[in-house]
């Protein structure tokens, strides 16, 4: 993927990732903590995680194209390295979303769940919190490094005359 409407596709597609990863992480943690919420979300939780999972390779592929069309720098290399690490976190979000969906839809009424189901729910809760936090922190770090790569040295700290004659 190269451009969309004349702009590099990466700068547009990353917005999907920036919105969907935290949204999926939040939905996952809420569903893992509160099984009734997971039941109410139904298939929306794993489908949201699947769409999120699909958005990451799209943004990455577009970013690889963009990387070949800009002057390389240490900031761009750092952003690329960080970006390559997001996919495992998002795979984790998807797998855990499927597990939370599956276990909550099959969980018997409160108080009658077998011990093994309780262990699975607790493990899913702990893993969901860890993976959700890791994914959100990783998206923040990637976005911060991308902004630095794009904007370092590219703007003036003081206002400049735009030259449009509207003074």
C-alpha atoms as a PDB file:
ATOM      1  CA  UNK A   1       0.000   0.000   0.000  1.00  0.00           C
ATOM      2  CA  UNK A   2       1.496   3.329  -0.995  1.00  0.00           C
ATOM      3  CA  UNK A   3      -0.782   6.372  -1.063  1.00  0.00           C
ATOM      4  CA  UNK A   4      -4.383   7.292  -0.330  1.00  0.00           C
ATOM      5  CA  UNK A   5      -5.703  10.447  -1.921  1.00  0.00           C
ATOM      6  CA  UNK A   6      -2.146  11.618  -2.576  1.00  0.00           C
ATOM      7  CA  UNK A   7      -0.971  11.133   1.023  1.00  0.00           C
ATOM      8  CA  UNK A   8       1.252   8.313   2.246  1.00  0.00           C
ATOM      9  CA  UNK A   9      -1.154   5.566   3.370  1.00  0.00           C
ATOM     10  CA  UNK A  10       0.826   5.007   6.564  1.00  0.00           C
ATOM     11  CA  UNK A  11       0.014   8.432   8.010  1.00  0.00           C
ATOM     12  CA  UNK A  12      -3.693   7.667   7.582  1.00  0.00           C
ATOM     13  CA  UNK A  13      -3.725   3.977   8.554  1.00  0.00           C
ATOM     14  CA  UNK A  14      -1.873   4.520  11.814  1.00  0.00           C
ATOM     15  CA  UNK A  15      -4.967   6.325  13.065  1.00  0.00           C
ATOM     16  CA  UNK A  16      -6.864   3.032  12.906  1.00  0.00           C
ATOM     17  CA  UNK A  17      -4.207   1.419  15.077  1.00  0.00           C
ATOM     18  CA  UNK A  18      -4.065   4.336  17.512  1.00  0.00           C
ATOM     19  CA  UNK A  19      -7.837   4.158  18.049  1.00  0.00           C
ATOM     20  CA  UNK A  20      -8.471   0.423  17.780  1.00  0.00           C
ATOM     21  CA  UNK A  21      -5.686  -0.924  20.006  1.00  0.00           C
ATOM     22  CA  UNK A  22      -6.671   1.041  23.137  1.00  0.00           C
ATOM     23  CA  UNK A  23     -10.377   0.476  22.417  1.00  0.00           C
ATOM     24  CA  UNK A  24      -9.836  -3.274  22.079  1.00  0.00           C
ATOM     25  CA  UNK A  25      -7.626  -3.324  25.177  1.00  0.00           C
ATOM     26  CA  UNK A  26     -10.295  -1.536  27.207  1.00  0.00           C
ATOM     27  CA  UNK A  27     -13.092  -3.800  25.950  1.00  0.00           C
ATOM     28  CA  UNK A  28     -10.985  -6.871  26.698  1.00  0.00           C
ATOM     29  CA  UNK A  29     -10.183  -5.829  30.258  1.00  0.00           C
ATOM     30  CA  UNK A  30     -13.807  -4.838  30.961  1.00  0.00           C
ATOM     31  CA  UNK A  31     -14.997  -8.184  29.582  1.00  0.00           C
ATOM     32  CA  UNK A  32     -12.399 -10.122  31.574  1.00  0.00           C
ATOM     33  CA  UNK A  33     -13.254  -8.319  34.817  1.00  0.00           C
ATOM     34  CA  UNK A  34     -17.010  -8.269  34.292  1.00  0.00           C
ATOM     35  CA  UNK A  35     -18.294 -11.416  32.541  1.00  0.00           C
ATOM     36  CA  UNK A  36     -21.779  -9.934  32.170  1.00  0.00           C
ATOM     37  CA  UNK A  37     -20.264  -7.150  30.063  1.00  0.00           C
ATOM     38  CA  UNK A  38     -18.481  -9.733  27.927  1.00  0.00           C
ATOM     39  CA  UNK A  39     -21.754 -11.592  27.428  1.00  0.00           C
ATOM     40  CA  UNK A  40     -23.457  -8.346  26.426  1.00  0.00           C
ATOM     41  CA  UNK A  41     -20.654  -7.550  23.956  1.00  0.00           C
ATOM     42  CA  UNK A  42     -21.016 -11.032  22.511  1.00  0.00           C
ATOM     43  CA  UNK A  43     -19.141 -11.496  19.240  1.00  0.00           C
ATOM     44  CA  UNK A  44     -18.304  -7.789  19.120  1.00  0.00           C
ATOM     45  CA  UNK A  45     -15.301  -8.348  21.414  1.00  0.00           C
ATOM     46  CA  UNK A  46     -13.466 -10.934  19.272  1.00  0.00           C
ATOM     47  CA  UNK A  47     -14.536  -9.202  16.032  1.00  0.00           C
ATOM     48  CA  UNK A  48     -13.173  -5.873  17.286  1.00  0.00           C
ATOM     49  CA  UNK A  49      -9.934  -7.638  18.181  1.00  0.00           C
ATOM     50  CA  UNK A  50      -9.827  -9.232  14.726  1.00  0.00           C
ATOM     51  CA  UNK A  51     -10.253  -5.872  12.975  1.00  0.00           C
ATOM     52  CA  UNK A  52      -7.561  -4.431  15.240  1.00  0.00           C
ATOM     53  CA  UNK A  53      -5.295  -7.336  14.356  1.00  0.00           C
ATOM     54  CA  UNK A  54      -5.864  -6.692  10.650  1.00  0.00           C
ATOM     55  CA  UNK A  55      -5.090  -2.972  10.969  1.00  0.00           C
ATOM     56  CA  UNK A  56      -1.561  -3.526  12.277  1.00  0.00           C
ATOM     57  CA  UNK A  57      -0.086  -5.314   9.223  1.00  0.00           C
ATOM     58  CA  UNK A  58      -1.782  -2.758   6.943  1.00  0.00           C
ATOM     59  CA  UNK A  59      -0.162   0.147   8.788  1.00  0.00           C
ATOM     60  CA  UNK A  60       3.155  -1.698   8.962  1.00  0.00           C
ATOM     61  CA  UNK A  61       3.175  -2.505   5.252  1.00  0.00           C
ATOM     62  CA  UNK A  62       2.329   1.094   4.395  1.00  0.00           C
ATOM     63  CA  UNK A  63       5.062   2.221   6.787  1.00  0.00           C
ATOM     64  CA  UNK A  64       7.617   0.013   5.055  1.00  0.00           C
ATOM     65  CA  UNK A  65       6.677   1.619   1.736  1.00  0.00           C
ATOM     66  CA  UNK A  66       7.002   5.084   3.276  1.00  0.00           C
ATOM     67  CA  UNK A  67      10.361   4.205   4.828  1.00  0.00           C
ATOM     68  CA  UNK A  68      11.708   3.548   1.332  1.00  0.00           C
ATOM     69  CA  UNK A  69      10.508   6.993   0.197  1.00  0.00           C
ATOM     70  CA  UNK A  70      11.933   9.225   2.929  1.00  0.00           C
ATOM     71  CA  UNK A  71      15.437  10.111   3.988  1.00  0.00           C
ATOM     72  CA  UNK A  72      16.498   7.634   6.658  1.00  0.00           C
ATOM     73  CA  UNK A  73      17.548   8.767  10.110  1.00  0.00           C
ATOM     74  CA  UNK A  74      18.111   7.312  13.555  1.00  0.00           C
ATOM     75  CA  UNK A  75      14.613   8.488  14.544  1.00  0.00           C
ATOM     76  CA  UNK A  76      13.008   6.663  11.606  1.00  0.00           C
ATOM     77  CA  UNK A  77      15.007   3.513  12.329  1.00  0.00           C
ATOM     78  CA  UNK A  78      13.875   3.644  15.979  1.00  0.00           C
ATOM     79  CA  UNK A  79      10.235   4.100  14.931  1.00  0.00           C
ATOM     80  CA  UNK A  80      10.505   1.157  12.537  1.00  0.00           C
ATOM     81  CA  UNK A  81      12.056  -1.074  15.203  1.00  0.00           C
ATOM     82  CA  UNK A  82       9.322  -0.225  17.685  1.00  0.00           C
ATOM     83  CA  UNK A  83       6.590  -0.671  15.068  1.00  0.00           C
ATOM     84  CA  UNK A  84       7.768  -4.181  14.301  1.00  0.00           C
ATOM     85  CA  UNK A  85       7.072  -5.163  17.920  1.00  0.00           C
ATOM     86  CA  UNK A  86       3.349  -4.361  18.011  1.00  0.00           C
ATOM     87  CA  UNK A  87       1.978  -7.390  16.173  1.00  0.00           C
ATOM     88  CA  UNK A  88       2.625  -9.922  18.988  1.00  0.00           C
ATOM     89  CA  UNK A  89       0.751  -7.694  21.457  1.00  0.00           C
ATOM     90  CA  UNK A  90      -2.226  -7.418  19.113  1.00  0.00           C
ATOM     91  CA  UNK A  91      -2.216 -11.162  18.463  1.00  0.00           C
ATOM     92  CA  UNK A  92      -2.380 -11.528  22.249  1.00  0.00           C
ATOM     93  CA  UNK A  93      -5.355  -9.138  22.386  1.00  0.00           C
ATOM     94  CA  UNK A  94      -7.148 -11.204  19.751  1.00  0.00           C
ATOM     95  CA  UNK A  95      -6.461 -14.572  21.388  1.00  0.00           C
ATOM     96  CA  UNK A  96      -7.510 -13.314  24.809  1.00  0.00           C
ATOM     97  CA  UNK A  97     -10.623 -11.651  23.392  1.00  0.00           C
ATOM     98  CA  UNK A  98     -11.598 -15.003  21.881  1.00  0.00           C
ATOM     99  CA  UNK A  99     -10.883 -16.782  25.182  1.00  0.00           C
ATOM    100  CA  UNK A 100     -12.893 -14.244  27.213  1.00  0.00           C
ATOM    101  CA  UNK A 101     -15.770 -14.465  24.737  1.00  0.00           C
ATOM    102  CA  UNK A 102     -15.680 -18.251  24.739  1.00  0.00           C
ATOM    103  CA  UNK A 103     -15.455 -18.657  28.512  1.00  0.00           C
ATOM    104  CA  UNK A 104     -18.133 -16.095  29.332  1.00  0.00           C
ATOM    105  CA  UNK A 105     -20.627 -17.454  26.850  1.00  0.00           C
ATOM    106  CA  UNK A 106     -20.174 -20.939  28.254  1.00  0.00           C
ATOM    107  CA  UNK A 107     -19.951 -20.035  31.959  1.00  0.00           C
ATOM    108  CA  UNK A 108     -22.781 -21.427  34.062  1.00  0.00           C
ATOM    109  CA  UNK A 109     -24.673 -19.255  36.530  1.00  0.00           C
ATOM    110  CA  UNK A 110     -22.575 -17.508  39.202  1.00  0.00           C
ATOM    111  CA  UNK A 111     -21.548 -19.738  42.069  1.00  0.00           C
ATOM    112  CA  UNK A 112     -21.894 -23.000  40.152  1.00  0.00           C
ATOM    113  CA  UNK A 113     -18.802 -22.721  37.929  1.00  0.00           C
ATOM    114  CA  UNK A 114     -16.347 -25.611  38.284  1.00  0.00           C
ATOM    115  CA  UNK A 115     -12.926 -24.844  39.765  1.00  0.00           C
ATOM    116  CA  UNK A 116     -11.218 -25.282  36.376  1.00  0.00           C
ATOM    117  CA  UNK A 117     -13.478 -22.618  34.816  1.00  0.00           C
ATOM    118  CA  UNK A 118     -12.628 -20.228  37.629  1.00  0.00           C
ATOM    119  CA  UNK A 119      -8.908 -20.839  37.110  1.00  0.00           C
ATOM    120  CA  UNK A 120      -9.263 -20.159  33.377  1.00  0.00           C
ATOM    121  CA  UNK A 121     -11.218 -16.940  34.066  1.00  0.00           C
ATOM    122  CA  UNK A 122      -8.619 -15.694  36.576  1.00  0.00           C
ATOM    123  CA  UNK A 123      -5.749 -16.544  34.208  1.00  0.00           C
ATOM    124  CA  UNK A 124      -7.557 -14.802  31.337  1.00  0.00           C
ATOM    125  CA  UNK A 125      -8.128 -11.754  33.549  1.00  0.00           C
ATOM    126  CA  UNK A 126      -4.477 -11.474  34.586  1.00  0.00           C
ATOM    127  CA  UNK A 127      -3.210 -12.056  31.042  1.00  0.00           C
ATOM    128  CA  UNK A 128      -5.787  -9.608  29.638  1.00  0.00           C
ATOM    129  CA  UNK A 129      -4.616  -6.821  31.942  1.00  0.00           C
ATOM    130  CA  UNK A 130      -0.941  -7.499  31.156  1.00  0.00           C
ATOM    131  CA  UNK A 131      -1.412  -7.777  27.380  1.00  0.00           C
ATOM    132  CA  UNK A 132      -3.782  -4.792  27.214  1.00  0.00           C
ATOM    133  CA  UNK A 133      -1.330  -2.619  29.149  1.00  0.00           C
ATOM    134  CA  UNK A 134       1.580  -3.807  27.014  1.00  0.00           C
ATOM    135  CA  UNK A 135      -0.282  -3.126  23.775  1.00  0.00           C
ATOM    136  CA  UNK A 136      -1.365   0.370  24.810  1.00  0.00           C
ATOM    137  CA  UNK A 137       2.111   1.307  26.076  1.00  0.00           C
ATOM    138  CA  UNK A 138       3.645  -0.044  22.865  1.00  0.00           C
ATOM    139  CA  UNK A 139       1.242   1.981  20.695  1.00  0.00           C
ATOM    140  CA  UNK A 140       2.133   5.091  22.698  1.00  0.00           C
ATOM    141  CA  UNK A 141       5.887   4.478  22.306  1.00  0.00           C
ATOM    142  CA  UNK A 142       5.538   3.792  18.573  1.00  0.00           C
ATOM    143  CA  UNK A 143       3.392   6.883  18.034  1.00  0.00           C
ATOM    144  CA  UNK A 144       5.753   9.067  20.036  1.00  0.00           C
ATOM    145  CA  UNK A 145       8.751   7.844  18.058  1.00  0.00           C
ATOM    146  CA  UNK A 146       6.863   8.373  14.785  1.00  0.00           C
ATOM    147  CA  UNK A 147       5.917  11.913  15.726  1.00  0.00           C
ATOM    148  CA  UNK A 148       9.531  12.665  16.639  1.00  0.00           C
ATOM    149  CA  UNK A 149      10.719  11.158  13.361  1.00  0.00           C
ATOM    150  CA  UNK A 150       8.220  13.218  11.361  1.00  0.00           C
ATOM    151  CA  UNK A 151       8.473  16.524  13.178  1.00  0.00           C
ATOM    152  CA  UNK A 152      11.964  16.874  14.674  1.00  0.00           C
ATOM    153  CA  UNK A 153      13.498  19.834  12.883  1.00  0.00           C
ATOM    154  CA  UNK A 154      10.384  20.268  10.755  1.00  0.00           C
ATOM    155  CA  UNK A 155       8.765  23.253  12.444  1.00  0.00           C
ATOM    156  CA  UNK A 156       9.635  26.565  14.041  1.00  0.00           C
ATOM    157  CA  UNK A 157       9.016  27.214  17.740  1.00  0.00           C
ATOM    158  CA  UNK A 158       8.114  30.792  16.891  1.00  0.00           C
ATOM    159  CA  UNK A 159       5.308  31.915  14.601  1.00  0.00           C
ATOM    160  CA  UNK A 160       6.367  32.813  11.106  1.00  0.00           C
ATOM    161  CA  UNK A 161       4.765  35.043   8.516  1.00  0.00           C
ATOM    162  CA  UNK A 162       2.733  32.813   6.220  1.00  0.00           C
ATOM    163  CA  UNK A 163       3.056  35.292   3.375  1.00  0.00           C
ATOM    164  CA  UNK A 164      -0.650  35.169   2.553  1.00  0.00           C
ATOM    165  CA  UNK A 165      -1.123  38.923   2.922  1.00  0.00           C
ATOM    166  CA  UNK A 166      -3.937  38.685   5.490  1.00  0.00           C
ATOM    167  CA  UNK A 167      -2.099  40.926   8.009  1.00  0.00           C
END
